Amino acid sequence: MRMKKNTQILKTRPRLSLGDLILAVSSCTKNTKETVATVADLLASGQVRVESNGRFNRARVC
């Protein structure tokens, strides 16, 4: 029996802007406060990383 290769790991992730993230989150939230809180949580938890000129920047959420 032959096993399938997992090509998902090899695919590059699309590069999205911070604005794209905010639009995606705001389409699922009730108001702007919830949007801001969700985006801040995503950044603080490390689930979303901010990149500038190929270098990942630490997002400081206050």
PDB file of N, CA and C in Angstrom:
ATOM      1  N   MET A   1       0.844  -1.182   0.000  1.00  0.00           N
ATOM      2  CA  MET A   1       0.000   0.000   0.000  1.00  0.00           C
ATOM      3  C   MET A   1       0.886   1.241   0.000  1.00  0.00           C
ATOM      4  N   ARG A   2       0.584   2.158  -0.865  1.00  0.00           N
ATOM      5  CA  ARG A   2       1.387   3.357  -1.024  1.00  0.00           C
ATOM      6  C   ARG A   2       0.782   4.514  -0.244  1.00  0.00           C
ATOM      7  N   MET A   3       1.623   5.252   0.484  1.00  0.00           N
ATOM      8  CA  MET A   3       1.135   6.381   1.294  1.00  0.00           C
ATOM      9  C   MET A   3       1.158   7.666   0.476  1.00  0.00           C
ATOM     10  N   LYS A   4       0.193   8.524   0.745  1.00  0.00           N
ATOM     11  CA  LYS A   4       0.142   9.824   0.076  1.00  0.00           C
ATOM     12  C   LYS A   4       1.178  10.758   0.672  1.00  0.00           C
ATOM     13  N   LYS A   5       1.747  11.585  -0.170  1.00  0.00           N
ATOM     14  CA  LYS A   5       2.648  12.620   0.329  1.00  0.00           C
ATOM     15  C   LYS A   5       1.822  13.801   0.803  1.00  0.00           C
ATOM     16  N   ASN A   6       2.240  14.389   1.884  1.00  0.00           N
ATOM     17  CA  ASN A   6       1.531  15.551   2.412  1.00  0.00           C
ATOM     18  C   ASN A   6       2.135  16.806   1.791  1.00  0.00           C
ATOM     19  N   THR A   7       1.495  17.331   0.754  1.00  0.00           N
ATOM     20  CA  THR A   7       2.011  18.508   0.066  1.00  0.00           C
ATOM     21  C   THR A   7       1.591  19.799   0.739  1.00  0.00           C
ATOM     22  N   GLN A   8       0.692  19.716   1.721  1.00  0.00           N
ATOM     23  CA  GLN A   8       0.223  20.917   2.423  1.00  0.00           C
ATOM     24  C   GLN A   8       1.391  21.625   3.114  1.00  0.00           C
ATOM     25  N   ILE A   9       2.325  20.872   3.653  1.00  0.00           N
ATOM     26  CA  ILE A   9       3.453  21.452   4.376  1.00  0.00           C
ATOM     27  C   ILE A   9       4.351  22.246   3.432  1.00  0.00           C
ATOM     28  N   LEU A  10       4.447  21.825   2.190  1.00  0.00           N
ATOM     29  CA  LEU A  10       5.366  22.442   1.243  1.00  0.00           C
ATOM     30  C   LEU A  10       4.834  23.726   0.618  1.00  0.00           C
ATOM     31  N   LYS A  11       3.531  23.945   0.716  1.00  0.00           N
ATOM     32  CA  LYS A  11       2.944  25.132   0.101  1.00  0.00           C
ATOM     33  C   LYS A  11       3.295  26.381   0.902  1.00  0.00           C
ATOM     34  N   THR A  12       3.584  27.452   0.199  1.00  0.00           N
ATOM     35  CA  THR A  12       3.849  28.715   0.883  1.00  0.00           C
ATOM     36  C   THR A  12       2.536  29.360   1.272  1.00  0.00           C
ATOM     37  N   ARG A  13       2.554  30.048   2.372  1.00  0.00           N
ATOM     38  CA  ARG A  13       1.347  30.735   2.835  1.00  0.00           C
ATOM     39  C   ARG A  13       1.212  32.059   2.114  1.00  0.00           C
ATOM     40  N   PRO A  14      -0.012  32.463   1.837  1.00  0.00           N
ATOM     41  CA  PRO A  14      -0.188  33.754   1.174  1.00  0.00           C
ATOM     42  C   PRO A  14       0.205  34.890   2.106  1.00  0.00           C
ATOM     43  N   ARG A  15       0.746  35.922   1.535  1.00  0.00           N
ATOM     44  CA  ARG A  15       1.128  37.088   2.331  1.00  0.00           C
ATOM     45  C   ARG A  15      -0.030  38.073   2.322  1.00  0.00           C
ATOM     46  N   LEU A  16      -0.609  38.245   3.484  1.00  0.00           N
ATOM     47  CA  LEU A  16      -1.757  39.124   3.625  1.00  0.00           C
ATOM     48  C   LEU A  16      -1.353  40.342   4.439  1.00  0.00           C
ATOM     49  N   SER A  17      -2.027  41.428   4.206  1.00  0.00           N
ATOM     50  CA  SER A  17      -1.732  42.652   4.943  1.00  0.00           C
ATOM     51  C   SER A  17      -2.501  42.684   6.254  1.00  0.00           C
ATOM     52  N   LEU A  18      -2.128  43.600   7.106  1.00  0.00           N
ATOM     53  CA  LEU A  18      -2.845  43.790   8.358  1.00  0.00           C
ATOM     54  C   LEU A  18      -4.292  44.193   8.075  1.00  0.00           C
ATOM     55  N   GLY A  19      -4.483  44.969   7.039  1.00  0.00           N
ATOM     56  CA  GLY A  19      -5.838  45.353   6.626  1.00  0.00           C
ATOM     57  C   GLY A  19      -6.676  44.153   6.224  1.00  0.00           C
ATOM     58  N   ASP A  20      -6.057  43.187   5.530  1.00  0.00           N
ATOM     59  CA  ASP A  20      -6.763  41.960   5.164  1.00  0.00           C
ATOM     60  C   ASP A  20      -7.200  41.202   6.408  1.00  0.00           C
ATOM     61  N   LEU A  21      -6.321  41.143   7.410  1.00  0.00           N
ATOM     62  CA  LEU A  21      -6.661  40.471   8.660  1.00  0.00           C
ATOM     63  C   LEU A  21      -7.835  41.160   9.341  1.00  0.00           C
ATOM     64  N   ILE A  22      -7.792  42.474   9.397  1.00  0.00           N
ATOM     65  CA  ILE A  22      -8.858  43.237  10.055  1.00  0.00           C
ATOM     66  C   ILE A  22     -10.185  43.040   9.327  1.00  0.00           C
ATOM     67  N   LEU A  23     -10.158  43.053   8.005  1.00  0.00           N
ATOM     68  CA  LEU A  23     -11.390  42.825   7.237  1.00  0.00           C
ATOM     69  C   LEU A  23     -11.955  41.426   7.485  1.00  0.00           C
ATOM     70  N   ALA A  24     -11.091  40.424   7.517  1.00  0.00           N
ATOM     71  CA  ALA A  24     -11.546  39.058   7.745  1.00  0.00           C
ATOM     72  C   ALA A  24     -12.155  38.916   9.136  1.00  0.00           C
ATOM     73  N   VAL A  25     -11.497  39.491  10.134  1.00  0.00           N
ATOM     74  CA  VAL A  25     -12.005  39.398  11.502  1.00  0.00           C
ATOM     75  C   VAL A  25     -13.306  40.182  11.644  1.00  0.00           C
ATOM     76  N   SER A  26     -13.358  41.377  11.055  1.00  0.00           N
ATOM     77  CA  SER A  26     -14.557  42.216  11.208  1.00  0.00           C
ATOM     78  C   SER A  26     -15.783  41.602  10.542  1.00  0.00           C
ATOM     79  N   SER A  27     -15.564  40.730   9.560  1.00  0.00           N
ATOM     80  CA  SER A  27     -16.707  40.074   8.920  1.00  0.00           C
ATOM     81  C   SER A  27     -17.343  39.028   9.839  1.00  0.00           C
ATOM     82  N   CYS A  28     -16.639  38.665  10.915  1.00  0.00           N
ATOM     83  CA  CYS A  28     -17.148  37.642  11.844  1.00  0.00           C
ATOM     84  C   CYS A  28     -17.481  38.196  13.224  1.00  0.00           C
ATOM     85  N   THR A  29     -17.275  39.487  13.441  1.00  0.00           N
ATOM     86  CA  THR A  29     -17.521  40.062  14.761  1.00  0.00           C
ATOM     87  C   THR A  29     -18.707  41.011  14.726  1.00  0.00           C
ATOM     88  N   LYS A  30     -19.210  41.335  15.917  1.00  0.00           N
ATOM     89  CA  LYS A  30     -20.416  42.153  16.030  1.00  0.00           C
ATOM     90  C   LYS A  30     -20.154  43.646  15.949  1.00  0.00           C
ATOM     91  N   ASN A  31     -18.986  44.082  16.468  1.00  0.00           N
ATOM     92  CA  ASN A  31     -18.700  45.516  16.482  1.00  0.00           C
ATOM     93  C   ASN A  31     -17.185  45.748  16.459  1.00  0.00           C
ATOM     94  N   THR A  32     -16.790  47.013  16.412  1.00  0.00           N
ATOM     95  CA  THR A  32     -15.368  47.324  16.284  1.00  0.00           C
ATOM     96  C   THR A  32     -14.578  46.965  17.539  1.00  0.00           C
ATOM     97  N   LYS A  33     -15.200  47.056  18.698  1.00  0.00           N
ATOM     98  CA  LYS A  33     -14.499  46.681  19.938  1.00  0.00           C
ATOM     99  C   LYS A  33     -14.116  45.210  19.911  1.00  0.00           C
ATOM    100  N   GLU A  34     -15.032  44.384  19.451  1.00  0.00           N
ATOM    101  CA  GLU A  34     -14.765  42.954  19.356  1.00  0.00           C
ATOM    102  C   GLU A  34     -13.694  42.670  18.302  1.00  0.00           C
ATOM    103  N   THR A  35     -13.709  43.423  17.206  1.00  0.00           N
ATOM    104  CA  THR A  35     -12.701  43.267  16.169  1.00  0.00           C
ATOM    105  C   THR A  35     -11.317  43.598  16.707  1.00  0.00           C
ATOM    106  N   VAL A  36     -11.202  44.723  17.378  1.00  0.00           N
ATOM    107  CA  VAL A  36      -9.912  45.143  17.936  1.00  0.00           C
ATOM    108  C   VAL A  36      -9.414  44.127  18.953  1.00  0.00           C
ATOM    109  N   ALA A  37     -10.308  43.658  19.812  1.00  0.00           N
ATOM    110  CA  ALA A  37      -9.917  42.682  20.833  1.00  0.00           C
ATOM    111  C   ALA A  37      -9.438  41.377  20.196  1.00  0.00           C
ATOM    112  N   THR A  38     -10.108  40.939  19.151  1.00  0.00           N
ATOM    113  CA  THR A  38      -9.735  39.686  18.486  1.00  0.00           C
ATOM    114  C   THR A  38      -8.398  39.816  17.777  1.00  0.00           C
ATOM    115  N   VAL A  39      -8.198  40.904  17.048  1.00  0.00           N
ATOM    116  CA  VAL A  39      -6.923  41.118  16.359  1.00  0.00           C
ATOM    117  C   VAL A  39      -5.788  41.233  17.378  1.00  0.00           C
ATOM    118  N   ALA A  40      -6.017  41.948  18.462  1.00  0.00           N
ATOM    119  CA  ALA A  40      -5.003  42.081  19.512  1.00  0.00           C
ATOM    120  C   ALA A  40      -4.667  40.718  20.108  1.00  0.00           C
ATOM    121  N   ASP A  41      -5.667  39.883  20.325  1.00  0.00           N
ATOM    122  CA  ASP A  41      -5.437  38.552  20.871  1.00  0.00           C
ATOM    123  C   ASP A  41      -4.644  37.678  19.897  1.00  0.00           C
ATOM    124  N   LEU A  42      -4.964  37.768  18.617  1.00  0.00           N
ATOM    125  CA  LEU A  42      -4.228  36.997  17.615  1.00  0.00           C
ATOM    126  C   LEU A  42      -2.756  37.399  17.576  1.00  0.00           C
ATOM    127  N   LEU A  43      -2.500  38.683  17.673  1.00  0.00           N
ATOM    128  CA  LEU A  43      -1.114  39.168  17.667  1.00  0.00           C
ATOM    129  C   LEU A  43      -0.387  38.790  18.952  1.00  0.00           C
ATOM    130  N   ALA A  44      -1.050  38.957  20.089  1.00  0.00           N
ATOM    131  CA  ALA A  44      -0.418  38.676  21.384  1.00  0.00           C
ATOM    132  C   ALA A  44      -0.129  37.186  21.557  1.00  0.00           C
ATOM    133  N   SER A  45      -0.997  36.334  21.024  1.00  0.00           N
ATOM    134  CA  SER A  45      -0.828  34.891  21.189  1.00  0.00           C
ATOM    135  C   SER A  45       0.216  34.312  20.234  1.00  0.00           C
ATOM    136  N   GLY A  46       0.600  35.074  19.216  1.00  0.00           N
ATOM    137  CA  GLY A  46       1.571  34.578  18.249  1.00  0.00           C
ATOM    138  C   GLY A  46       0.944  33.794  17.109  1.00  0.00           C
ATOM    139  N   GLN A  47      -0.375  33.693  17.081  1.00  0.00           N
ATOM    140  CA  GLN A  47      -1.038  32.986  15.986  1.00  0.00           C
ATOM    141  C   GLN A  47      -0.899  33.746  14.679  1.00  0.00           C
ATOM    142  N   VAL A  48      -0.713  35.062  14.782  1.00  0.00           N
ATOM    143  CA  VAL A  48      -0.488  35.924  13.622  1.00  0.00           C
ATOM    144  C   VAL A  48       0.800  36.680  13.872  1.00  0.00           C
ATOM    145  N   ARG A  49       1.665  36.695  12.873  1.00  0.00           N
ATOM    146  CA  ARG A  49       2.929  37.406  13.021  1.00  0.00           C
ATOM    147  C   ARG A  49       2.997  38.554  12.009  1.00  0.00           C
ATOM    148  N   VAL A  50       3.642  39.623  12.420  1.00  0.00           N
ATOM    149  CA  VAL A  50       3.795  40.801  11.572  1.00  0.00           C
ATOM    150  C   VAL A  50       5.183  40.747  10.951  1.00  0.00           C
ATOM    151  N   GLU A  51       5.230  40.899   9.628  1.00  0.00           N
ATOM    152  CA  GLU A  51       6.495  40.822   8.910  1.00  0.00           C
ATOM    153  C   GLU A  51       6.734  42.125   8.163  1.00  0.00           C
ATOM    154  N   SER A  52       7.972  42.589   8.211  1.00  0.00           N
ATOM    155  CA  SER A  52       8.354  43.793   7.478  1.00  0.00           C
ATOM    156  C   SER A  52       9.695  43.538   6.807  1.00  0.00           C
ATOM    157  N   ASN A  53       9.717  43.645   5.502  1.00  0.00           N
ATOM    158  CA  ASN A  53      10.931  43.415   4.713  1.00  0.00           C
ATOM    159  C   ASN A  53      11.571  42.064   5.005  1.00  0.00           C
ATOM    160  N   GLY A  54      10.743  41.035   5.130  1.00  0.00           N
ATOM    161  CA  GLY A  54      11.242  39.693   5.342  1.00  0.00           C
ATOM    162  C   GLY A  54      11.616  39.357   6.767  1.00  0.00           C
ATOM    163  N   ARG A  55      11.506  40.298   7.681  1.00  0.00           N
ATOM    164  CA  ARG A  55      11.837  40.058   9.085  1.00  0.00           C
ATOM    165  C   ARG A  55      10.565  40.127   9.912  1.00  0.00           C
ATOM    166  N   PHE A  56      10.430  39.174  10.819  1.00  0.00           N
ATOM    167  CA  PHE A  56       9.258  39.160  11.687  1.00  0.00           C
ATOM    168  C   PHE A  56       9.463  40.145  12.817  1.00  0.00           C
ATOM    169  N   ASN A  57       8.466  40.971  13.049  1.00  0.00           N
ATOM    170  CA  ASN A  57       8.505  41.960  14.104  1.00  0.00           C
ATOM    171  C   ASN A  57       7.628  41.515  15.255  1.00  0.00           C
ATOM    172  N   ARG A  58       8.041  41.842  16.445  1.00  0.00           N
ATOM    173  CA  ARG A  58       7.205  41.536  17.607  1.00  0.00           C
ATOM    174  C   ARG A  58       6.115  42.591  17.698  1.00  0.00           C
ATOM    175  N   ALA A  59       4.896  42.129  17.819  1.00  0.00           N
ATOM    176  CA  ALA A  59       3.765  43.049  17.942  1.00  0.00           C
ATOM    177  C   ALA A  59       3.532  43.312  19.424  1.00  0.00           C
ATOM    178  N   ARG A  60       3.535  44.549  19.792  1.00  0.00           N
ATOM    179  CA  ARG A  60       3.287  44.922  21.176  1.00  0.00           C
ATOM    180  C   ARG A  60       1.830  45.342  21.309  1.00  0.00           C
ATOM    181  N   VAL A  61       1.096  44.603  22.090  1.00  0.00           N
ATOM    182  CA  VAL A  61      -0.319  44.873  22.282  1.00  0.00           C
ATOM    183  C   VAL A  61      -0.494  45.490  23.646  1.00  0.00           C
ATOM    184  N   CYS A  62      -0.996  46.717  23.676  1.00  0.00           N
ATOM    185  CA  CYS A  62      -1.166  47.443  24.952  1.00  0.00           C
ATOM    186  C   CYS A  62      -2.603  47.444  25.394  1.00  0.00           C
TER     187      CYS A  62
END
